[in-house]
């Protein structure tokens, strides 16, 4: 693992580890925000034992496990994808800035909304990391160009002789 990955992954994962642990420990106000989603699920599948607290804890468990996996480099692409999948519903349920009437609360919720969307983008980029054990993509590209140039030179020498 490169130094950049060794530092960046735990940094990106830190909010998910903390937030996931807090959601598991105390769903509280998060559960209230998740209740409308639970009600919608209940309409579609009434047999499921769904409530805001269960959804919050499930989301927290996924974020905690995904955050730990990403931070430690265990299945980093799968972990990043799982974390990215949790953010849009969490963001829409928890940071509905468009419903706020107080300008300060609206601005605060918009910042959190955009922060979560930015984190989703970063996680999606992390899912594209081709192999955590390979060199940085810029280095790999330079090596390929050098290899191709060498191959062309060899072929030209072969043609001339």
N, C-alpha and C. Protein backbone atom coordinates (compact mmCIF):
# COMPACT_ATOMS: atom_id res chain seq x y z
N UNK A 1 0.86 -1.17 0.00
CA UNK A 1 0.00 0.00 0.00
C UNK A 1 0.90 1.24 0.00
N UNK A 2 0.57 2.19 -0.84
CA UNK A 2 1.37 3.40 -0.91
C UNK A 2 1.12 4.26 0.32
N UNK A 3 2.03 5.17 0.57
CA UNK A 3 1.89 6.08 1.71
C UNK A 3 0.62 6.91 1.57
N UNK A 4 0.33 7.36 0.35
CA UNK A 4 -0.88 8.16 0.12
C UNK A 4 -2.13 7.38 0.52
N UNK A 5 -2.23 6.13 0.09
CA UNK A 5 -3.39 5.31 0.45
C UNK A 5 -3.43 5.06 1.95
N UNK A 6 -2.28 4.79 2.53
CA UNK A 6 -2.21 4.49 3.96
C UNK A 6 -2.69 5.67 4.81
N UNK A 7 -2.54 6.87 4.30
CA UNK A 7 -2.99 8.06 5.03
C UNK A 7 -4.41 8.45 4.63
N UNK A 8 -4.71 8.40 3.34
CA UNK A 8 -6.00 8.89 2.84
C UNK A 8 -7.17 8.00 3.24
N UNK A 9 -7.00 6.71 3.19
CA UNK A 9 -8.12 5.82 3.50
C UNK A 9 -8.65 6.01 4.92
N UNK A 10 -7.80 6.00 5.94
CA UNK A 10 -8.33 6.23 7.29
C UNK A 10 -8.94 7.63 7.45
N UNK A 11 -8.39 8.60 6.75
CA UNK A 11 -8.97 9.95 6.82
C UNK A 11 -10.39 9.95 6.25
N UNK A 12 -10.57 9.33 5.10
CA UNK A 12 -11.88 9.27 4.47
C UNK A 12 -12.83 8.42 5.31
N UNK A 13 -12.33 7.37 5.91
CA UNK A 13 -13.17 6.45 6.68
C UNK A 13 -13.54 6.97 8.06
N UNK A 14 -12.80 7.90 8.60
CA UNK A 14 -12.98 8.31 9.99
C UNK A 14 -14.40 8.75 10.33
N UNK A 15 -15.03 9.52 9.47
CA UNK A 15 -16.39 9.98 9.75
C UNK A 15 -17.38 8.83 9.76
N UNK A 16 -17.15 7.82 8.93
CA UNK A 16 -18.05 6.67 8.88
C UNK A 16 -17.89 5.79 10.12
N UNK A 17 -16.66 5.62 10.57
CA UNK A 17 -16.43 4.82 11.78
C UNK A 17 -17.10 5.50 12.97
N UNK A 18 -16.86 6.79 13.12
CA UNK A 18 -17.45 7.53 14.24
C UNK A 18 -18.98 7.59 14.13
N UNK A 19 -19.46 8.01 12.97
CA UNK A 19 -20.91 8.14 12.78
C UNK A 19 -21.63 6.81 12.89
N UNK A 20 -21.03 5.76 12.36
CA UNK A 20 -21.64 4.43 12.46
C UNK A 20 -21.72 3.95 13.90
N UNK A 21 -20.66 4.16 14.66
CA UNK A 21 -20.66 3.77 16.08
C UNK A 21 -21.71 4.55 16.86
N UNK A 22 -21.82 5.85 16.59
CA UNK A 22 -22.81 6.67 17.28
C UNK A 22 -24.25 6.26 16.92
N UNK A 23 -24.47 5.91 15.66
CA UNK A 23 -25.81 5.48 15.23
C UNK A 23 -26.19 4.16 15.89
N UNK A 24 -25.23 3.26 16.04
CA UNK A 24 -25.51 2.00 16.71
C UNK A 24 -25.77 2.20 18.20
N UNK A 25 -24.98 3.04 18.80
CA UNK A 25 -25.07 3.26 20.25
C UNK A 25 -26.34 4.02 20.61
N UNK A 26 -26.65 5.06 19.84
CA UNK A 26 -27.77 5.92 20.19
C UNK A 26 -28.44 6.47 18.93
N UNK A 27 -29.41 5.75 18.38
CA UNK A 27 -30.04 6.20 17.14
C UNK A 27 -30.79 7.53 17.28
N UNK A 28 -31.39 7.77 18.45
CA UNK A 28 -32.04 9.03 18.81
C UNK A 28 -32.67 9.83 17.68
N UNK A 29 -32.21 11.08 17.51
CA UNK A 29 -32.81 11.96 16.51
C UNK A 29 -32.66 11.44 15.07
N UNK A 30 -31.63 10.67 14.82
CA UNK A 30 -31.46 10.09 13.49
C UNK A 30 -32.63 9.16 13.17
N UNK A 31 -33.10 8.43 14.18
CA UNK A 31 -34.21 7.50 13.98
C UNK A 31 -35.48 8.25 13.61
N UNK A 32 -35.67 9.41 14.21
CA UNK A 32 -36.85 10.22 13.88
C UNK A 32 -36.80 10.66 12.42
N UNK A 33 -35.62 11.03 11.95
CA UNK A 33 -35.48 11.45 10.55
C UNK A 33 -35.63 10.27 9.59
N UNK A 34 -35.32 9.07 10.06
CA UNK A 34 -35.42 7.87 9.22
C UNK A 34 -36.83 7.28 9.22
N UNK A 35 -37.66 7.71 10.15
CA UNK A 35 -39.00 7.12 10.27
C UNK A 35 -39.84 7.25 9.00
N UNK A 36 -39.85 8.40 8.29
CA UNK A 36 -40.64 8.45 7.04
C UNK A 36 -40.19 7.40 6.01
N UNK A 37 -38.90 7.12 5.95
CA UNK A 37 -38.41 6.07 5.05
C UNK A 37 -38.90 4.71 5.53
N UNK A 38 -38.87 4.49 6.84
CA UNK A 38 -39.38 3.22 7.39
C UNK A 38 -40.86 3.06 7.08
N UNK A 39 -41.62 4.14 7.19
CA UNK A 39 -43.05 4.08 6.88
C UNK A 39 -43.28 3.72 5.41
N UNK A 40 -42.46 4.27 4.54
CA UNK A 40 -42.57 3.96 3.11
C UNK A 40 -42.26 2.49 2.85
N UNK A 41 -41.23 1.97 3.50
CA UNK A 41 -40.87 0.56 3.35
C UNK A 41 -42.01 -0.32 3.88
N UNK A 42 -42.61 0.08 4.98
CA UNK A 42 -43.73 -0.67 5.57
C UNK A 42 -44.92 -0.77 4.60
N UNK A 43 -45.15 0.30 3.82
CA UNK A 43 -46.24 0.27 2.85
C UNK A 43 -45.96 -0.74 1.74
N UNK A 44 -44.70 -0.82 1.34
CA UNK A 44 -44.31 -1.73 0.27
C UNK A 44 -44.20 -3.17 0.77
N UNK A 45 -43.64 -3.33 1.95
CA UNK A 45 -43.43 -4.67 2.52
C UNK A 45 -43.87 -4.67 3.99
N UNK A 46 -45.16 -4.80 4.23
CA UNK A 46 -45.67 -4.70 5.60
C UNK A 46 -45.16 -5.78 6.55
N UNK A 47 -44.67 -6.89 6.01
CA UNK A 47 -44.19 -7.98 6.86
C UNK A 47 -42.81 -7.70 7.48
N UNK A 48 -42.10 -6.70 6.96
CA UNK A 48 -40.77 -6.40 7.48
C UNK A 48 -40.86 -5.62 8.80
N UNK A 49 -40.04 -5.99 9.78
CA UNK A 49 -40.04 -5.26 11.06
C UNK A 49 -39.18 -4.00 10.97
N UNK A 50 -39.67 -3.00 10.28
CA UNK A 50 -38.88 -1.80 10.00
C UNK A 50 -39.41 -0.63 10.81
N UNK A 51 -38.49 0.09 11.42
CA UNK A 51 -38.80 1.37 12.04
C UNK A 51 -37.57 2.26 11.90
N UNK A 52 -37.70 3.50 12.27
CA UNK A 52 -36.59 4.44 12.12
C UNK A 52 -35.35 4.02 12.88
N UNK A 53 -35.54 3.45 14.05
CA UNK A 53 -34.40 3.01 14.86
C UNK A 53 -33.66 1.85 14.19
N UNK A 54 -34.41 0.88 13.66
CA UNK A 54 -33.77 -0.26 12.96
C UNK A 54 -33.00 0.21 11.73
N UNK A 55 -33.61 1.10 10.96
CA UNK A 55 -32.93 1.62 9.76
C UNK A 55 -31.66 2.37 10.13
N UNK A 56 -31.74 3.16 11.18
CA UNK A 56 -30.58 3.93 11.63
C UNK A 56 -29.47 3.00 12.08
N UNK A 57 -29.81 1.98 12.83
CA UNK A 57 -28.80 1.03 13.30
C UNK A 57 -28.21 0.22 12.14
N UNK A 58 -29.04 -0.18 11.19
CA UNK A 58 -28.54 -0.90 10.03
C UNK A 58 -27.56 -0.03 9.24
N UNK A 59 -27.95 1.20 9.00
CA UNK A 59 -27.09 2.14 8.30
C UNK A 59 -25.79 2.34 9.08
N UNK A 60 -25.91 2.48 10.40
CA UNK A 60 -24.73 2.64 11.24
C UNK A 60 -23.80 1.45 11.19
N UNK A 61 -24.38 0.24 11.17
CA UNK A 61 -23.57 -0.98 11.10
C UNK A 61 -22.81 -1.05 9.77
N UNK A 62 -23.50 -0.71 8.68
CA UNK A 62 -22.84 -0.72 7.37
C UNK A 62 -21.73 0.32 7.35
N UNK A 63 -22.00 1.50 7.88
CA UNK A 63 -20.97 2.55 7.88
C UNK A 63 -19.79 2.20 8.78
N UNK A 64 -20.06 1.63 9.93
CA UNK A 64 -18.96 1.23 10.82
C UNK A 64 -18.11 0.13 10.18
N UNK A 65 -18.75 -0.91 9.67
CA UNK A 65 -18.00 -2.01 9.04
C UNK A 65 -17.28 -1.53 7.79
N UNK A 66 -17.97 -0.76 6.95
CA UNK A 66 -17.33 -0.25 5.74
C UNK A 66 -16.20 0.70 6.05
N UNK A 67 -16.39 1.55 7.05
CA UNK A 67 -15.34 2.49 7.45
C UNK A 67 -14.10 1.77 7.95
N UNK A 68 -14.31 0.75 8.79
CA UNK A 68 -13.17 -0.02 9.29
C UNK A 68 -12.46 -0.76 8.16
N UNK A 69 -13.24 -1.33 7.24
CA UNK A 69 -12.64 -2.04 6.11
C UNK A 69 -11.84 -1.09 5.23
N UNK A 70 -12.40 0.08 4.96
CA UNK A 70 -11.69 1.06 4.12
C UNK A 70 -10.43 1.56 4.83
N UNK A 71 -10.55 1.86 6.11
CA UNK A 71 -9.41 2.39 6.87
C UNK A 71 -8.25 1.41 6.93
N UNK A 72 -8.56 0.13 7.01
CA UNK A 72 -7.51 -0.88 7.13
C UNK A 72 -7.08 -1.47 5.79
N UNK A 73 -7.75 -1.06 4.71
CA UNK A 73 -7.39 -1.56 3.38
C UNK A 73 -7.91 -2.94 3.08
N UNK A 74 -8.90 -3.42 3.85
CA UNK A 74 -9.52 -4.73 3.61
C UNK A 74 -10.70 -4.52 2.66
N UNK A 75 -10.62 -5.09 1.49
CA UNK A 75 -11.68 -4.93 0.47
C UNK A 75 -12.02 -3.46 0.28
N UNK A 76 -11.03 -2.63 -0.01
CA UNK A 76 -11.27 -1.18 -0.04
C UNK A 76 -12.27 -0.72 -1.09
N UNK A 77 -12.29 -1.36 -2.25
CA UNK A 77 -13.24 -0.93 -3.28
C UNK A 77 -14.67 -1.30 -2.91
N UNK A 78 -14.87 -2.48 -2.38
CA UNK A 78 -16.21 -2.89 -1.94
C UNK A 78 -16.66 -2.01 -0.77
N UNK A 79 -15.75 -1.75 0.16
CA UNK A 79 -16.07 -0.90 1.31
C UNK A 79 -16.45 0.51 0.86
N UNK A 80 -15.68 1.05 -0.08
CA UNK A 80 -15.99 2.40 -0.58
C UNK A 80 -17.34 2.43 -1.27
N UNK A 81 -17.66 1.38 -2.03
CA UNK A 81 -18.96 1.32 -2.70
C UNK A 81 -20.10 1.22 -1.69
N UNK A 82 -19.93 0.38 -0.68
CA UNK A 82 -20.98 0.25 0.36
C UNK A 82 -21.20 1.58 1.08
N UNK A 83 -20.11 2.26 1.39
CA UNK A 83 -20.24 3.56 2.06
C UNK A 83 -20.90 4.58 1.14
N UNK A 84 -20.51 4.57 -0.13
CA UNK A 84 -21.12 5.50 -1.09
C UNK A 84 -22.62 5.23 -1.23
N UNK A 85 -23.03 3.98 -1.13
CA UNK A 85 -24.45 3.64 -1.25
C UNK A 85 -25.25 4.12 -0.03
N UNK A 86 -24.60 4.25 1.12
CA UNK A 86 -25.33 4.69 2.32
C UNK A 86 -25.55 6.20 2.35
N UNK A 87 -24.72 6.93 1.68
CA UNK A 87 -24.78 8.39 1.82
C UNK A 87 -25.98 9.09 1.18
N UNK A 88 -26.36 8.80 -0.05
CA UNK A 88 -27.51 9.54 -0.61
C UNK A 88 -28.79 9.44 0.22
N UNK A 89 -29.23 8.22 0.63
CA UNK A 89 -30.45 8.20 1.44
C UNK A 89 -30.28 8.89 2.80
N UNK A 90 -29.10 8.72 3.40
CA UNK A 90 -28.83 9.38 4.68
C UNK A 90 -28.87 10.89 4.50
N UNK A 91 -28.30 11.36 3.44
CA UNK A 91 -28.22 12.80 3.18
C UNK A 91 -29.60 13.39 2.93
N UNK A 92 -30.38 12.73 2.10
CA UNK A 92 -31.72 13.24 1.79
C UNK A 92 -32.61 13.22 3.03
N UNK A 93 -32.48 12.18 3.85
CA UNK A 93 -33.29 12.10 5.06
C UNK A 93 -32.82 13.06 6.14
N UNK A 94 -31.51 13.24 6.25
CA UNK A 94 -30.97 13.99 7.38
C UNK A 94 -30.64 15.45 7.13
N UNK A 95 -30.50 15.85 5.90
CA UNK A 95 -30.06 17.22 5.61
C UNK A 95 -30.97 17.89 4.58
N UNK A 96 -32.24 17.95 4.91
CA UNK A 96 -33.26 18.50 4.00
C UNK A 96 -33.25 20.02 4.11
N UNK A 97 -32.23 20.64 3.60
CA UNK A 97 -32.09 22.10 3.72
C UNK A 97 -33.25 22.84 3.06
N UNK A 98 -33.85 22.26 2.04
CA UNK A 98 -34.95 22.91 1.34
C UNK A 98 -36.21 23.03 2.21
N UNK A 99 -36.28 22.26 3.29
CA UNK A 99 -37.43 22.35 4.20
C UNK A 99 -37.21 23.33 5.35
N UNK A 100 -35.99 23.81 5.50
CA UNK A 100 -35.67 24.73 6.60
C UNK A 100 -36.18 26.14 6.30
N UNK A 101 -36.76 26.76 7.32
CA UNK A 101 -37.25 28.14 7.16
C UNK A 101 -36.26 29.15 7.75
N UNK A 102 -35.52 28.73 8.77
CA UNK A 102 -34.51 29.61 9.38
C UNK A 102 -33.30 29.67 8.45
N UNK A 103 -32.87 30.88 8.05
CA UNK A 103 -31.74 31.00 7.11
C UNK A 103 -30.45 30.35 7.62
N UNK A 104 -30.16 30.47 8.92
CA UNK A 104 -28.93 29.88 9.47
C UNK A 104 -29.01 28.35 9.44
N UNK A 105 -30.15 27.80 9.83
CA UNK A 105 -30.32 26.34 9.80
C UNK A 105 -30.28 25.84 8.37
N UNK A 106 -30.88 26.60 7.46
CA UNK A 106 -30.88 26.22 6.04
C UNK A 106 -29.46 26.17 5.50
N UNK A 107 -28.67 27.19 5.83
CA UNK A 107 -27.27 27.24 5.37
C UNK A 107 -26.47 26.07 5.96
N UNK A 108 -26.68 25.78 7.23
CA UNK A 108 -25.97 24.68 7.89
C UNK A 108 -26.33 23.34 7.25
N UNK A 109 -27.60 23.10 7.00
CA UNK A 109 -28.03 21.85 6.39
C UNK A 109 -27.53 21.73 4.95
N UNK A 110 -27.47 22.85 4.24
CA UNK A 110 -26.95 22.83 2.86
C UNK A 110 -25.47 22.45 2.87
N UNK A 111 -24.71 22.98 3.82
CA UNK A 111 -23.29 22.64 3.93
C UNK A 111 -23.13 21.14 4.17
N UNK A 112 -23.92 20.57 5.09
CA UNK A 112 -23.83 19.14 5.37
C UNK A 112 -24.27 18.31 4.16
N UNK A 113 -25.30 18.78 3.47
CA UNK A 113 -25.76 18.10 2.26
C UNK A 113 -24.63 18.05 1.22
N UNK A 114 -24.02 19.18 0.96
CA UNK A 114 -22.94 19.25 -0.04
C UNK A 114 -21.70 18.48 0.42
N UNK A 115 -21.41 18.51 1.72
CA UNK A 115 -20.28 17.74 2.25
C UNK A 115 -20.50 16.25 1.99
N UNK A 116 -21.71 15.78 2.25
CA UNK A 116 -22.00 14.37 2.02
C UNK A 116 -21.93 14.01 0.54
N UNK A 117 -22.39 14.89 -0.31
CA UNK A 117 -22.29 14.62 -1.74
C UNK A 117 -20.82 14.59 -2.18
N UNK A 118 -20.00 15.47 -1.61
CA UNK A 118 -18.56 15.45 -1.91
C UNK A 118 -17.93 14.15 -1.44
N UNK A 119 -18.31 13.70 -0.25
CA UNK A 119 -17.77 12.45 0.26
C UNK A 119 -18.21 11.27 -0.62
N UNK A 120 -19.44 11.32 -1.12
CA UNK A 120 -19.92 10.28 -2.03
C UNK A 120 -19.04 10.24 -3.28
N UNK A 121 -18.74 11.41 -3.82
CA UNK A 121 -17.86 11.47 -4.99
C UNK A 121 -16.49 10.89 -4.71
N UNK A 122 -15.92 11.22 -3.56
CA UNK A 122 -14.62 10.68 -3.19
C UNK A 122 -14.66 9.16 -3.04
N UNK A 123 -15.72 8.66 -2.44
CA UNK A 123 -15.86 7.21 -2.28
C UNK A 123 -16.03 6.52 -3.63
N UNK A 124 -16.81 7.13 -4.52
CA UNK A 124 -16.96 6.54 -5.85
C UNK A 124 -15.64 6.52 -6.60
N UNK A 125 -14.83 7.55 -6.43
CA UNK A 125 -13.50 7.55 -7.04
C UNK A 125 -12.65 6.43 -6.45
N UNK A 126 -12.79 6.20 -5.14
CA UNK A 126 -12.02 5.13 -4.50
C UNK A 126 -12.43 3.75 -5.03
N UNK A 127 -13.67 3.61 -5.49
CA UNK A 127 -14.08 2.32 -6.04
C UNK A 127 -13.39 2.03 -7.37
N UNK A 128 -12.86 3.05 -8.02
CA UNK A 128 -12.21 2.89 -9.32
C UNK A 128 -10.73 2.60 -9.20
N UNK A 129 -10.19 2.61 -8.00
CA UNK A 129 -8.79 2.33 -7.78
C UNK A 129 -8.52 0.91 -8.27
N UNK A 130 -7.76 0.73 -9.38
CA UNK A 130 -7.67 -0.58 -10.02
C UNK A 130 -7.04 -1.67 -9.16
N UNK A 131 -6.02 -1.35 -8.44
CA UNK A 131 -5.39 -2.35 -7.58
C UNK A 131 -4.63 -1.59 -6.51
N UNK A 132 -5.02 -1.77 -5.26
CA UNK A 132 -4.36 -1.02 -4.19
C UNK A 132 -2.86 -1.29 -4.07
N UNK A 133 -2.38 -2.35 -4.70
CA UNK A 133 -0.97 -2.70 -4.57
C UNK A 133 -0.13 -2.22 -5.75
N UNK A 134 -0.77 -1.55 -6.70
CA UNK A 134 -0.04 -1.04 -7.86
C UNK A 134 0.45 0.37 -7.59
N UNK A 135 1.38 0.79 -8.43
CA UNK A 135 1.90 2.16 -8.34
C UNK A 135 0.81 3.16 -8.69
N UNK A 136 1.05 4.41 -8.33
CA UNK A 136 0.16 5.53 -8.68
C UNK A 136 -0.05 5.55 -10.19
N UNK A 137 -1.24 5.90 -10.62
CA UNK A 137 -1.61 5.82 -12.04
C UNK A 137 -0.68 6.66 -12.93
N UNK A 138 -0.24 7.81 -12.44
CA UNK A 138 0.69 8.63 -13.23
C UNK A 138 2.00 7.90 -13.49
N UNK A 139 2.49 7.21 -12.49
CA UNK A 139 3.73 6.44 -12.62
C UNK A 139 3.54 5.27 -13.58
N UNK A 140 2.38 4.60 -13.47
CA UNK A 140 2.11 3.47 -14.37
C UNK A 140 2.02 3.95 -15.81
N UNK A 141 1.39 5.11 -16.03
CA UNK A 141 1.26 5.66 -17.40
C UNK A 141 2.64 6.00 -17.96
N UNK A 142 3.48 6.60 -17.14
CA UNK A 142 4.83 6.96 -17.60
C UNK A 142 5.61 5.70 -17.95
N UNK A 143 5.50 4.67 -17.13
CA UNK A 143 6.19 3.41 -17.40
C UNK A 143 5.71 2.78 -18.71
N UNK A 144 4.40 2.85 -18.98
CA UNK A 144 3.86 2.30 -20.23
C UNK A 144 4.38 3.06 -21.45
N UNK A 145 4.47 4.37 -21.35
CA UNK A 145 5.00 5.18 -22.45
C UNK A 145 6.45 4.83 -22.70
N UNK A 146 7.23 4.71 -21.66
CA UNK A 146 8.64 4.34 -21.78
C UNK A 146 8.78 2.96 -22.42
N UNK A 147 7.94 2.03 -21.97
CA UNK A 147 7.96 0.67 -22.51
C UNK A 147 7.59 0.66 -24.00
N UNK A 148 6.58 1.44 -24.36
CA UNK A 148 6.15 1.50 -25.77
C UNK A 148 7.23 2.12 -26.64
N UNK A 149 7.86 3.18 -26.15
CA UNK A 149 8.93 3.84 -26.91
C UNK A 149 10.10 2.88 -27.13
N UNK A 150 10.42 2.12 -26.10
CA UNK A 150 11.51 1.15 -26.20
C UNK A 150 11.16 0.06 -27.22
N UNK A 151 9.91 -0.37 -27.21
CA UNK A 151 9.46 -1.40 -28.14
C UNK A 151 9.53 -0.89 -29.59
N UNK A 152 9.10 0.34 -29.81
CA UNK A 152 9.15 0.93 -31.15
C UNK A 152 10.60 1.05 -31.61
N UNK A 153 11.49 1.48 -30.72
CA UNK A 153 12.90 1.61 -31.07
C UNK A 153 13.50 0.25 -31.43
N UNK A 154 13.14 -0.78 -30.68
CA UNK A 154 13.62 -2.13 -30.97
C UNK A 154 13.14 -2.60 -32.34
N UNK A 155 11.87 -2.32 -32.65
CA UNK A 155 11.33 -2.73 -33.95
C UNK A 155 12.00 -1.98 -35.10
N UNK A 156 12.26 -0.70 -34.91
CA UNK A 156 12.97 0.09 -35.95
C UNK A 156 14.38 -0.46 -36.16
N UNK A 157 15.06 -0.79 -35.08
CA UNK A 157 16.41 -1.36 -35.19
C UNK A 157 16.35 -2.70 -35.94
N UNK A 158 15.33 -3.49 -35.68
CA UNK A 158 15.17 -4.77 -36.33
C UNK A 158 14.93 -4.61 -37.84
N UNK A 159 14.12 -3.61 -38.21
CA UNK A 159 13.83 -3.33 -39.62
C UNK A 159 15.09 -2.87 -40.34
N UNK A 160 15.88 -2.02 -39.72
CA UNK A 160 17.10 -1.47 -40.33
C UNK A 160 18.17 -2.55 -40.53
N UNK A 161 18.19 -3.57 -39.69
CA UNK A 161 19.27 -4.56 -39.80
C UNK A 161 18.96 -5.69 -40.73
